[in-house]
N, C-alpha and C. Protein backbone atom coordinates (compact mmCIF):
# COMPACT_ATOMS: atom_id res chain seq x y z
N MET A 1 40.93 69.49 22.50
CA MET A 1 41.86 69.27 21.38
C MET A 1 42.21 70.57 20.65
N GLY A 2 42.09 71.70 21.35
CA GLY A 2 42.45 72.99 20.76
C GLY A 2 43.96 73.16 20.68
N ILE A 3 44.44 73.80 19.61
CA ILE A 3 45.88 73.96 19.44
C ILE A 3 46.31 75.41 19.26
N ARG A 4 45.39 76.31 18.89
CA ARG A 4 45.79 77.71 18.73
C ARG A 4 44.57 78.59 18.48
N LYS A 5 44.80 79.90 18.45
CA LYS A 5 43.75 80.86 18.13
C LYS A 5 44.35 82.01 17.32
N ASN A 6 43.63 82.40 16.28
CA ASN A 6 44.11 83.47 15.39
C ASN A 6 45.51 83.17 14.87
N GLY A 7 45.76 81.88 14.62
CA GLY A 7 47.04 81.48 14.04
C GLY A 7 48.21 81.47 15.00
N LYS A 8 47.96 81.61 16.30
CA LYS A 8 49.05 81.70 17.25
C LYS A 8 48.84 80.71 18.40
N LEU A 9 49.98 80.21 18.95
CA LEU A 9 49.92 79.42 20.16
C LEU A 9 49.53 80.32 21.31
N LEU A 10 48.76 79.79 22.24
CA LEU A 10 48.27 80.59 23.35
C LEU A 10 48.98 80.27 24.66
N TRP A 11 50.10 79.57 24.57
CA TRP A 11 50.86 79.25 25.77
C TRP A 11 52.34 79.28 25.42
N LYS A 12 53.15 79.56 26.43
CA LYS A 12 54.60 79.60 26.26
C LYS A 12 55.21 78.60 27.22
N LEU A 13 55.63 77.45 26.65
CA LEU A 13 56.12 76.34 27.47
C LEU A 13 57.49 75.92 26.95
N PRO A 14 58.57 76.46 27.52
CA PRO A 14 59.92 76.19 27.03
C PRO A 14 60.28 74.71 26.95
N SER A 15 59.88 73.91 27.95
CA SER A 15 60.23 72.49 27.92
C SER A 15 59.48 71.76 26.81
N ASP A 16 58.28 72.23 26.50
CA ASP A 16 57.52 71.65 25.39
C ASP A 16 58.23 71.91 24.07
N LEU A 17 58.72 73.12 23.88
CA LEU A 17 59.47 73.45 22.66
C LEU A 17 60.77 72.65 22.58
N LYS A 18 61.43 72.48 23.73
CA LYS A 18 62.66 71.69 23.75
C LYS A 18 62.38 70.24 23.37
N PHE A 19 61.29 69.70 23.93
CA PHE A 19 60.90 68.33 23.64
C PHE A 19 60.57 68.17 22.16
N PHE A 20 59.83 69.13 21.61
CA PHE A 20 59.48 69.12 20.19
C PHE A 20 60.75 69.11 19.32
N LYS A 21 61.70 69.96 19.65
CA LYS A 21 62.92 70.05 18.85
C LYS A 21 63.73 68.75 18.94
N GLU A 22 63.83 68.18 20.15
CA GLU A 22 64.59 66.94 20.30
C GLU A 22 63.96 65.81 19.50
N ILE A 23 62.63 65.73 19.53
CA ILE A 23 61.95 64.65 18.80
C ILE A 23 62.14 64.81 17.29
N THR A 24 61.90 66.02 16.78
CA THR A 24 61.90 66.21 15.34
C THR A 24 63.30 66.26 14.74
N CYS A 25 64.29 66.68 15.51
CA CYS A 25 65.63 66.90 14.95
C CYS A 25 66.60 65.75 15.19
N THR A 26 66.23 64.79 16.03
CA THR A 26 67.13 63.68 16.31
C THR A 26 66.85 62.54 15.35
N SER A 27 67.83 62.25 14.50
CA SER A 27 67.65 61.21 13.48
C SER A 27 68.79 60.21 13.53
N ALA A 28 68.65 59.16 12.75
CA ALA A 28 69.71 58.16 12.64
C ALA A 28 70.94 58.78 11.98
N PRO A 29 72.12 58.27 12.30
CA PRO A 29 73.34 58.80 11.67
C PRO A 29 73.25 58.75 10.14
N THR A 30 73.74 59.79 9.49
CA THR A 30 73.79 59.94 8.03
C THR A 30 72.41 60.18 7.41
N LYS A 31 71.36 60.27 8.24
CA LYS A 31 70.03 60.51 7.70
C LYS A 31 69.43 61.77 8.31
N LYS A 32 68.29 62.19 7.78
CA LYS A 32 67.62 63.37 8.31
C LYS A 32 66.12 63.09 8.43
N ASN A 33 65.48 63.81 9.32
CA ASN A 33 64.03 63.72 9.45
C ASN A 33 63.35 64.75 8.55
N VAL A 34 62.08 64.50 8.28
CA VAL A 34 61.27 65.42 7.50
C VAL A 34 60.21 66.01 8.42
N VAL A 35 60.01 67.32 8.33
CA VAL A 35 58.97 68.00 9.09
C VAL A 35 58.02 68.65 8.08
N ILE A 36 56.76 68.21 8.10
CA ILE A 36 55.75 68.70 7.15
C ILE A 36 54.81 69.65 7.87
N MET A 37 54.52 70.77 7.23
CA MET A 37 53.58 71.74 7.81
C MET A 37 52.88 72.51 6.70
N GLY A 38 51.75 73.10 7.02
CA GLY A 38 51.04 73.95 6.08
C GLY A 38 51.68 75.33 5.99
N ARG A 39 51.32 76.06 4.95
CA ARG A 39 51.93 77.39 4.74
C ARG A 39 51.61 78.34 5.88
N LYS A 40 50.36 78.30 6.41
CA LYS A 40 50.00 79.20 7.50
C LYS A 40 50.82 78.90 8.75
N THR A 41 51.06 77.62 9.00
CA THR A 41 51.92 77.26 10.14
C THR A 41 53.32 77.77 9.91
N TRP A 42 53.84 77.59 8.70
CA TRP A 42 55.17 78.09 8.35
C TRP A 42 55.25 79.60 8.57
N ASP A 43 54.25 80.32 8.11
CA ASP A 43 54.26 81.78 8.24
C ASP A 43 54.18 82.23 9.69
N SER A 44 53.59 81.39 10.56
CA SER A 44 53.43 81.78 11.96
C SER A 44 54.70 81.57 12.77
N ILE A 45 55.67 80.85 12.22
CA ILE A 45 56.91 80.57 12.96
C ILE A 45 57.89 81.73 12.76
N PRO A 46 58.42 82.31 13.84
CA PRO A 46 59.42 83.38 13.69
C PRO A 46 60.58 82.93 12.82
N LEU A 47 61.10 83.84 12.03
CA LEU A 47 62.13 83.53 11.04
C LEU A 47 63.31 82.77 11.64
N GLN A 48 63.73 83.16 12.85
CA GLN A 48 64.92 82.53 13.44
C GLN A 48 64.68 81.08 13.85
N TYR A 49 63.39 80.66 13.88
CA TYR A 49 63.08 79.28 14.28
C TYR A 49 62.60 78.42 13.11
N GLN A 50 62.52 78.98 11.91
CA GLN A 50 61.94 78.24 10.80
C GLN A 50 62.81 77.07 10.35
N LEU A 51 64.10 77.21 10.48
CA LEU A 51 64.99 76.12 10.08
C LEU A 51 65.29 75.23 11.27
N LEU A 52 64.89 73.96 11.19
CA LEU A 52 65.20 72.99 12.23
C LEU A 52 66.47 72.26 11.81
N SER A 53 67.46 72.29 12.67
CA SER A 53 68.78 71.75 12.34
C SER A 53 68.70 70.30 11.88
N GLY A 54 69.26 70.04 10.70
CA GLY A 54 69.35 68.68 10.19
C GLY A 54 68.07 68.13 9.62
N CYS A 55 67.02 68.95 9.49
CA CYS A 55 65.73 68.47 8.99
C CYS A 55 65.45 68.99 7.59
N LEU A 56 64.69 68.21 6.84
CA LEU A 56 64.13 68.68 5.58
C LEU A 56 62.73 69.20 5.87
N ILE A 57 62.48 70.46 5.55
CA ILE A 57 61.18 71.08 5.80
C ILE A 57 60.35 71.01 4.53
N VAL A 58 59.12 70.52 4.66
CA VAL A 58 58.18 70.51 3.54
C VAL A 58 57.01 71.41 3.90
N VAL A 59 56.80 72.44 3.10
CA VAL A 59 55.69 73.37 3.32
C VAL A 59 54.60 73.04 2.30
N LEU A 60 53.40 72.73 2.80
CA LEU A 60 52.29 72.39 1.91
C LEU A 60 51.56 73.65 1.47
N THR A 61 51.44 73.84 0.17
CA THR A 61 50.72 74.99 -0.37
C THR A 61 50.24 74.66 -1.77
N ARG A 62 49.06 75.15 -2.12
CA ARG A 62 48.54 74.97 -3.47
C ARG A 62 48.70 76.24 -4.30
N SER A 63 49.27 77.27 -3.68
CA SER A 63 49.44 78.54 -4.37
C SER A 63 50.74 78.56 -5.16
N PRO A 64 50.66 78.84 -6.48
CA PRO A 64 51.89 78.89 -7.29
C PRO A 64 52.71 80.15 -7.01
N THR A 65 52.13 81.08 -6.26
CA THR A 65 52.84 82.33 -5.98
C THR A 65 53.13 82.49 -4.50
N CYS A 66 53.25 81.38 -3.76
CA CYS A 66 53.51 81.48 -2.33
C CYS A 66 54.89 82.09 -2.10
N ASN A 67 55.05 82.69 -0.92
CA ASN A 67 56.29 83.40 -0.63
C ASN A 67 57.30 82.57 0.14
N VAL A 68 57.16 81.24 0.10
CA VAL A 68 58.12 80.37 0.78
C VAL A 68 59.41 80.30 -0.04
N VAL A 69 60.50 80.68 0.58
CA VAL A 69 61.80 80.64 -0.09
C VAL A 69 62.36 79.23 0.02
N THR A 70 62.47 78.54 -1.09
CA THR A 70 62.96 77.17 -1.07
C THR A 70 64.49 77.14 -1.09
N SER A 71 65.04 76.04 -0.60
CA SER A 71 66.48 75.84 -0.58
C SER A 71 66.74 74.35 -0.51
N GLU A 72 67.97 73.98 -0.22
CA GLU A 72 68.31 72.55 -0.13
C GLU A 72 67.50 71.87 0.97
N ASN A 73 67.16 72.61 2.03
CA ASN A 73 66.46 72.02 3.16
C ASN A 73 65.01 72.46 3.28
N ILE A 74 64.49 73.20 2.31
CA ILE A 74 63.10 73.64 2.33
C ILE A 74 62.50 73.42 0.94
N ILE A 75 61.42 72.63 0.88
CA ILE A 75 60.74 72.40 -0.39
C ILE A 75 59.25 72.61 -0.19
N THR A 76 58.52 72.79 -1.27
CA THR A 76 57.07 72.93 -1.21
C THR A 76 56.40 71.79 -1.96
N CYS A 77 55.23 71.40 -1.47
CA CYS A 77 54.43 70.38 -2.15
C CYS A 77 52.96 70.79 -2.03
N GLY A 78 52.11 70.17 -2.85
CA GLY A 78 50.71 70.54 -2.86
C GLY A 78 49.82 69.78 -1.91
N SER A 79 50.27 68.61 -1.43
CA SER A 79 49.42 67.79 -0.58
C SER A 79 50.25 66.76 0.16
N ILE A 80 49.63 66.11 1.15
CA ILE A 80 50.31 65.03 1.86
C ILE A 80 50.64 63.87 0.92
N PRO A 81 49.68 63.39 0.09
CA PRO A 81 50.01 62.27 -0.82
C PRO A 81 51.17 62.60 -1.76
N SER A 82 51.20 63.81 -2.33
CA SER A 82 52.28 64.16 -3.25
C SER A 82 53.61 64.27 -2.50
N THR A 83 53.56 64.70 -1.24
CA THR A 83 54.77 64.78 -0.43
C THR A 83 55.34 63.39 -0.18
N LEU A 84 54.47 62.45 0.24
CA LEU A 84 54.95 61.10 0.52
C LEU A 84 55.46 60.41 -0.73
N GLU A 85 54.82 60.70 -1.87
CA GLU A 85 55.30 60.14 -3.14
C GLU A 85 56.69 60.67 -3.46
N LEU A 86 56.90 61.97 -3.23
CA LEU A 86 58.21 62.56 -3.48
C LEU A 86 59.26 61.97 -2.55
N LEU A 87 58.94 61.83 -1.27
CA LEU A 87 59.90 61.32 -0.30
C LEU A 87 60.26 59.85 -0.55
N ALA A 88 59.36 59.14 -1.22
CA ALA A 88 59.62 57.72 -1.52
C ALA A 88 60.50 57.55 -2.75
N SER A 89 60.78 58.64 -3.44
CA SER A 89 61.60 58.58 -4.65
C SER A 89 63.03 59.02 -4.35
N SER A 90 63.93 58.76 -5.28
CA SER A 90 65.32 59.18 -5.15
C SER A 90 65.42 60.69 -5.37
N PRO A 91 66.30 61.37 -4.63
CA PRO A 91 67.28 60.86 -3.65
C PRO A 91 66.74 60.77 -2.23
N TYR A 92 65.52 61.24 -1.99
CA TYR A 92 65.03 61.33 -0.62
C TYR A 92 64.87 59.98 0.05
N SER A 93 64.48 58.97 -0.69
CA SER A 93 64.16 57.67 -0.10
C SER A 93 65.32 57.08 0.70
N SER A 94 66.54 57.37 0.29
CA SER A 94 67.71 56.82 0.98
C SER A 94 68.25 57.76 2.05
N GLU A 95 67.69 58.96 2.14
CA GLU A 95 68.21 59.96 3.07
C GLU A 95 67.32 60.18 4.29
N ILE A 96 66.06 59.71 4.21
CA ILE A 96 65.07 60.06 5.23
C ILE A 96 65.00 59.02 6.33
N ASP A 97 64.92 59.49 7.58
CA ASP A 97 64.72 58.61 8.73
C ASP A 97 63.24 58.61 9.12
N LYS A 98 62.75 59.67 9.75
CA LYS A 98 61.36 59.74 10.18
C LYS A 98 60.67 60.95 9.56
N VAL A 99 59.35 60.86 9.47
CA VAL A 99 58.54 61.96 8.91
C VAL A 99 57.57 62.43 9.99
N PHE A 100 57.58 63.73 10.25
CA PHE A 100 56.69 64.32 11.25
C PHE A 100 55.76 65.33 10.58
N VAL A 101 54.50 65.32 10.98
CA VAL A 101 53.54 66.33 10.52
C VAL A 101 53.18 67.18 11.73
N ILE A 102 53.37 68.52 11.64
CA ILE A 102 53.23 69.35 12.84
C ILE A 102 52.07 70.36 12.75
N GLY A 103 51.35 70.42 11.66
CA GLY A 103 50.23 71.37 11.59
C GLY A 103 50.07 71.98 10.21
N GLY A 104 49.04 72.76 10.05
CA GLY A 104 48.06 73.18 11.04
C GLY A 104 46.92 72.18 11.25
N GLY A 105 45.83 72.73 11.76
CA GLY A 105 44.73 71.90 12.17
C GLY A 105 44.16 71.03 11.07
N GLN A 106 43.94 71.59 9.90
CA GLN A 106 43.34 70.81 8.80
C GLN A 106 44.24 69.66 8.38
N ILE A 107 45.55 69.91 8.32
CA ILE A 107 46.49 68.87 7.92
C ILE A 107 46.57 67.78 8.98
N LEU A 108 46.59 68.17 10.24
CA LEU A 108 46.64 67.17 11.31
C LEU A 108 45.37 66.33 11.33
N ARG A 109 44.23 66.94 11.09
CA ARG A 109 42.98 66.16 11.03
C ARG A 109 43.01 65.17 9.87
N GLU A 110 43.73 65.52 8.80
CA GLU A 110 43.83 64.63 7.64
C GLU A 110 44.68 63.40 7.94
N VAL A 111 45.76 63.58 8.69
CA VAL A 111 46.71 62.48 8.86
C VAL A 111 46.56 61.73 10.18
N MET A 112 46.06 62.40 11.22
CA MET A 112 45.90 61.71 12.50
C MET A 112 44.94 60.53 12.35
N ASN A 113 45.29 59.44 12.96
CA ASN A 113 44.50 58.20 12.91
C ASN A 113 44.51 57.54 11.53
N GLY A 114 45.23 58.13 10.58
CA GLY A 114 45.32 57.55 9.24
C GLY A 114 46.22 56.34 9.21
N PRO A 115 46.15 55.54 8.14
CA PRO A 115 46.92 54.29 8.07
C PRO A 115 48.42 54.48 8.06
N GLY A 116 48.90 55.65 7.65
CA GLY A 116 50.35 55.87 7.60
C GLY A 116 50.91 56.43 8.89
N CYS A 117 50.06 56.67 9.87
CA CYS A 117 50.50 57.28 11.13
C CYS A 117 50.86 56.20 12.13
N GLU A 118 52.11 56.22 12.61
CA GLU A 118 52.56 55.20 13.56
C GLU A 118 52.51 55.69 15.01
N ALA A 119 52.63 56.99 15.20
CA ALA A 119 52.63 57.53 16.57
C ALA A 119 52.07 58.95 16.56
N ILE A 120 51.43 59.31 17.65
CA ILE A 120 50.90 60.67 17.82
C ILE A 120 51.49 61.21 19.12
N HIS A 121 52.34 62.22 18.99
CA HIS A 121 53.01 62.79 20.16
C HIS A 121 52.17 63.95 20.68
N MET A 122 51.48 63.72 21.80
CA MET A 122 50.58 64.72 22.35
C MET A 122 51.22 65.44 23.53
N THR A 123 50.97 66.74 23.61
CA THR A 123 51.22 67.50 24.83
C THR A 123 49.86 67.82 25.41
N GLU A 124 49.53 67.21 26.54
CA GLU A 124 48.23 67.42 27.16
C GLU A 124 48.34 68.55 28.17
N ILE A 125 47.60 69.64 27.93
CA ILE A 125 47.67 70.83 28.76
C ILE A 125 46.47 70.87 29.71
N ASP A 126 46.74 71.01 30.99
CA ASP A 126 45.68 71.03 32.00
C ASP A 126 45.24 72.47 32.24
N ALA A 127 44.50 73.03 31.28
CA ALA A 127 44.02 74.40 31.41
C ALA A 127 42.86 74.61 30.45
N ASN A 128 41.96 75.50 30.80
CA ASN A 128 40.87 75.88 29.91
C ASN A 128 41.30 77.10 29.12
N ILE A 129 41.57 76.91 27.83
CA ILE A 129 42.09 77.99 26.98
C ILE A 129 41.21 78.09 25.74
N ASP A 130 40.78 79.29 25.43
CA ASP A 130 39.90 79.53 24.29
C ASP A 130 40.68 79.37 22.99
N CYS A 131 40.28 78.41 22.15
CA CYS A 131 40.96 78.16 20.87
C CYS A 131 39.95 78.22 19.73
N ASP A 132 40.45 78.45 18.52
CA ASP A 132 39.57 78.40 17.34
C ASP A 132 40.06 77.38 16.32
N THR A 133 41.14 76.66 16.65
CA THR A 133 41.67 75.61 15.77
C THR A 133 41.80 74.33 16.58
N PHE A 134 41.25 73.25 16.03
CA PHE A 134 41.20 71.99 16.77
C PHE A 134 41.71 70.84 15.91
N ILE A 135 42.20 69.79 16.58
CA ILE A 135 42.61 68.58 15.88
C ILE A 135 41.69 67.44 16.29
N SER A 136 41.82 66.31 15.61
CA SER A 136 40.98 65.15 15.91
C SER A 136 41.37 64.55 17.25
N ARG A 137 40.41 63.92 17.89
CA ARG A 137 40.74 63.12 19.07
C ARG A 137 41.46 61.84 18.62
N VAL A 138 42.32 61.35 19.48
CA VAL A 138 43.03 60.11 19.17
C VAL A 138 42.02 58.97 19.18
N ASP A 139 42.01 58.19 18.10
CA ASP A 139 41.11 57.04 17.99
C ASP A 139 41.68 55.91 18.85
N LEU A 140 41.08 55.68 20.00
CA LEU A 140 41.60 54.70 20.95
C LEU A 140 41.36 53.26 20.51
N SER A 141 40.63 53.07 19.40
CA SER A 141 40.54 51.72 18.84
C SER A 141 41.76 51.42 17.97
N LEU A 142 42.52 52.46 17.61
CA LEU A 142 43.71 52.31 16.77
C LEU A 142 45.00 52.60 17.52
N PHE A 143 44.93 53.51 18.50
CA PHE A 143 46.12 53.93 19.24
C PHE A 143 45.86 53.79 20.73
N ARG A 144 46.97 53.70 21.47
CA ARG A 144 46.88 53.78 22.91
C ARG A 144 48.10 54.52 23.44
N PRO A 145 47.96 55.21 24.58
CA PRO A 145 49.12 55.88 25.17
C PRO A 145 50.18 54.86 25.52
N TRP A 146 51.41 55.11 25.09
CA TRP A 146 52.50 54.18 25.40
C TRP A 146 53.04 54.45 26.80
N CYS A 147 53.05 55.71 27.19
CA CYS A 147 53.50 56.12 28.50
C CYS A 147 53.09 57.56 28.71
N SER A 148 53.35 58.10 29.87
CA SER A 148 53.05 59.50 30.15
C SER A 148 54.15 60.08 31.02
N SER A 149 54.57 61.29 30.70
CA SER A 149 55.55 61.94 31.55
C SER A 149 54.88 62.40 32.83
N LEU A 150 55.66 62.62 33.86
CA LEU A 150 55.14 63.27 35.04
C LEU A 150 54.80 64.72 34.68
N PRO A 151 53.84 65.33 35.37
CA PRO A 151 53.44 66.69 35.02
C PRO A 151 54.60 67.68 35.11
N VAL A 152 54.62 68.61 34.18
CA VAL A 152 55.58 69.71 34.16
C VAL A 152 54.77 70.99 34.30
N THR A 153 55.23 71.94 35.11
CA THR A 153 54.52 73.21 35.27
C THR A 153 55.43 74.36 34.86
N GLU A 154 54.97 75.14 33.91
CA GLU A 154 55.68 76.34 33.45
C GLU A 154 54.67 77.44 33.19
N ASN A 155 55.02 78.65 33.60
CA ASN A 155 54.12 79.80 33.42
C ASN A 155 52.70 79.50 33.92
N ASP A 156 52.64 78.83 35.07
CA ASP A 156 51.37 78.51 35.74
C ASP A 156 50.50 77.54 34.95
N ILE A 157 51.08 76.81 34.01
CA ILE A 157 50.34 75.82 33.24
C ILE A 157 50.97 74.45 33.48
N SER A 158 50.13 73.48 33.87
CA SER A 158 50.60 72.12 34.07
C SER A 158 50.31 71.31 32.81
N TYR A 159 51.30 70.50 32.39
CA TYR A 159 51.12 69.70 31.18
C TYR A 159 51.98 68.46 31.25
N ARG A 160 51.71 67.53 30.34
CA ARG A 160 52.48 66.29 30.29
C ARG A 160 52.61 65.84 28.85
N PHE A 161 53.63 65.03 28.58
CA PHE A 161 53.88 64.48 27.26
C PHE A 161 53.34 63.05 27.20
N VAL A 162 52.52 62.77 26.20
CA VAL A 162 51.91 61.44 26.08
C VAL A 162 52.07 60.92 24.65
N PRO A 163 53.07 60.08 24.38
CA PRO A 163 53.18 59.45 23.07
C PRO A 163 52.12 58.36 22.93
N ASN A 164 51.39 58.39 21.84
CA ASN A 164 50.40 57.36 21.54
C ASN A 164 50.91 56.51 20.38
N VAL A 165 50.81 55.21 20.49
CA VAL A 165 51.33 54.32 19.46
C VAL A 165 50.20 53.48 18.87
N ARG A 166 50.34 53.15 17.60
CA ARG A 166 49.34 52.32 16.92
C ARG A 166 49.34 50.92 17.52
N VAL A 167 48.17 50.40 17.80
CA VAL A 167 48.04 49.07 18.39
C VAL A 167 48.09 48.03 17.29
N CYS A 168 48.98 47.07 17.43
CA CYS A 168 49.08 45.99 16.45
C CYS A 168 48.14 44.86 16.85
N SER A 169 47.65 44.16 15.85
CA SER A 169 46.79 43.01 16.12
C SER A 169 47.58 41.95 16.88
N SER A 170 47.03 41.48 17.95
CA SER A 170 47.73 40.50 18.78
C SER A 170 46.72 39.70 19.58
N SER A 171 47.08 38.48 19.92
CA SER A 171 46.19 37.67 20.75
C SER A 171 46.11 38.23 22.16
N ASP A 172 47.15 38.98 22.56
CA ASP A 172 47.15 39.63 23.86
C ASP A 172 47.33 41.12 23.64
N SER A 173 46.21 41.86 23.61
CA SER A 173 46.26 43.28 23.27
C SER A 173 46.91 44.11 24.36
N ASN A 174 47.16 43.50 25.55
CA ASN A 174 47.78 44.26 26.64
C ASN A 174 49.31 44.25 26.57
N LYS A 175 49.87 43.48 25.66
CA LYS A 175 51.32 43.40 25.56
C LYS A 175 51.84 44.54 24.68
N LEU A 176 52.59 45.43 25.30
CA LEU A 176 53.21 46.54 24.57
C LEU A 176 54.71 46.43 24.79
N LYS A 177 55.39 45.75 23.90
CA LYS A 177 56.82 45.52 24.08
C LYS A 177 57.62 46.63 23.42
N LEU A 178 58.71 46.99 24.07
CA LEU A 178 59.53 48.10 23.57
C LEU A 178 60.01 47.87 22.15
N GLU A 179 60.39 46.65 21.83
CA GLU A 179 60.95 46.40 20.51
C GLU A 179 59.92 46.62 19.40
N ASN A 180 58.65 46.58 19.73
CA ASN A 180 57.62 46.81 18.71
C ASN A 180 57.54 48.26 18.29
N PHE A 181 58.13 49.15 19.08
CA PHE A 181 58.00 50.58 18.83
C PHE A 181 59.36 51.22 18.61
N ALA A 182 60.20 50.56 17.85
CA ALA A 182 61.53 51.09 17.57
C ALA A 182 61.48 52.38 16.79
N PHE A 183 60.32 52.69 16.17
CA PHE A 183 60.21 53.92 15.40
C PHE A 183 60.08 55.14 16.30
N LEU A 184 59.80 54.94 17.59
CA LEU A 184 59.70 56.08 18.50
C LEU A 184 61.07 56.74 18.65
N PRO A 185 61.11 58.07 18.73
CA PRO A 185 62.39 58.76 18.95
C PRO A 185 63.06 58.27 20.22
N LYS A 186 64.38 58.28 20.22
CA LYS A 186 65.15 57.74 21.35
C LYS A 186 64.79 58.43 22.66
N ILE A 187 64.43 59.71 22.59
CA ILE A 187 64.12 60.44 23.82
C ILE A 187 62.95 59.82 24.56
N ILE A 188 62.06 59.16 23.83
CA ILE A 188 60.90 58.53 24.47
C ILE A 188 61.35 57.39 25.38
N PHE A 189 62.44 56.72 25.01
CA PHE A 189 62.92 55.58 25.79
C PHE A 189 63.86 56.01 26.91
N ASP A 190 64.54 57.14 26.72
CA ASP A 190 65.47 57.62 27.73
C ASP A 190 64.72 58.28 28.88
N LYS A 191 65.20 58.10 30.07
CA LYS A 191 64.57 58.74 31.22
C LYS A 191 65.34 60.01 31.56
N HIS A 192 65.09 61.06 30.79
CA HIS A 192 65.69 62.35 31.09
C HIS A 192 65.12 62.85 32.41
N GLU A 193 65.92 63.63 33.13
CA GLU A 193 65.47 64.14 34.43
C GLU A 193 64.18 64.93 34.30
N GLU A 194 64.06 65.70 33.22
CA GLU A 194 62.87 66.54 33.06
C GLU A 194 61.71 65.79 32.42
N PHE A 195 61.95 64.56 31.93
CA PHE A 195 60.89 63.78 31.31
C PHE A 195 60.85 62.39 31.93
N MET A 196 60.56 62.32 33.22
CA MET A 196 60.52 61.04 33.90
C MET A 196 59.20 60.34 33.60
N TYR A 197 59.26 59.28 32.85
CA TYR A 197 58.04 58.63 32.38
C TYR A 197 57.48 57.65 33.40
N ASP A 198 56.18 57.76 33.59
CA ASP A 198 55.48 56.87 34.50
C ASP A 198 54.78 55.80 33.66
N VAL A 199 55.45 54.66 33.46
CA VAL A 199 54.88 53.61 32.60
C VAL A 199 54.09 52.59 33.41
N SER A 200 54.01 52.79 34.73
CA SER A 200 53.31 51.82 35.57
C SER A 200 51.90 52.27 35.90
N SER A 201 51.51 53.46 35.43
CA SER A 201 50.19 53.99 35.77
C SER A 201 49.09 53.06 35.29
N PRO A 202 48.11 52.75 36.14
CA PRO A 202 47.00 51.88 35.73
C PRO A 202 46.22 52.44 34.53
N LYS A 203 46.29 53.77 34.34
CA LYS A 203 45.58 54.39 33.22
C LYS A 203 46.05 53.81 31.90
N TYR A 204 47.31 53.37 31.83
CA TYR A 204 47.86 52.91 30.58
C TYR A 204 48.05 51.41 30.58
């Protein structure tokens, strides 16, 4: 469950970045998504990539003197609860489609498996890489993989995309109907050539 070392990603996977951008930036018409991250994560992103088209960026920081330049599409908050409270109020409540939390490790450990989390979008990397920042394991009593992409190999690293969805109470726990997961980004349902999903695997 390692995600980085010394504040940096240790792999360069173009299709993973493309997938991340499509998920976070694709919203319902007339609405926008929210992307929440910690200040260290914000600082680690190159300037030309800090603005995600059509998204509201929330940078979490408790420092009153942080160097985050706020604008119409960039705001700061002190915590996840205060962020969600703000987003539930006007004018944001009528403008927001989906909310994504992207890091860093401490923030992801706080929200993963939490009651407000509906899906966990994992990129599973098949490699032994030395990391110093880790996230929580997916609680399989609360979530299950909805599907898995076929493996993608870039820069000698094989990986796959695995969206995990919260399991609803049901008399038949094996029933995972598409309509129950309408909150998943459209790309998860589309069979893009580069993201051919194998939903028949016995593993799932």
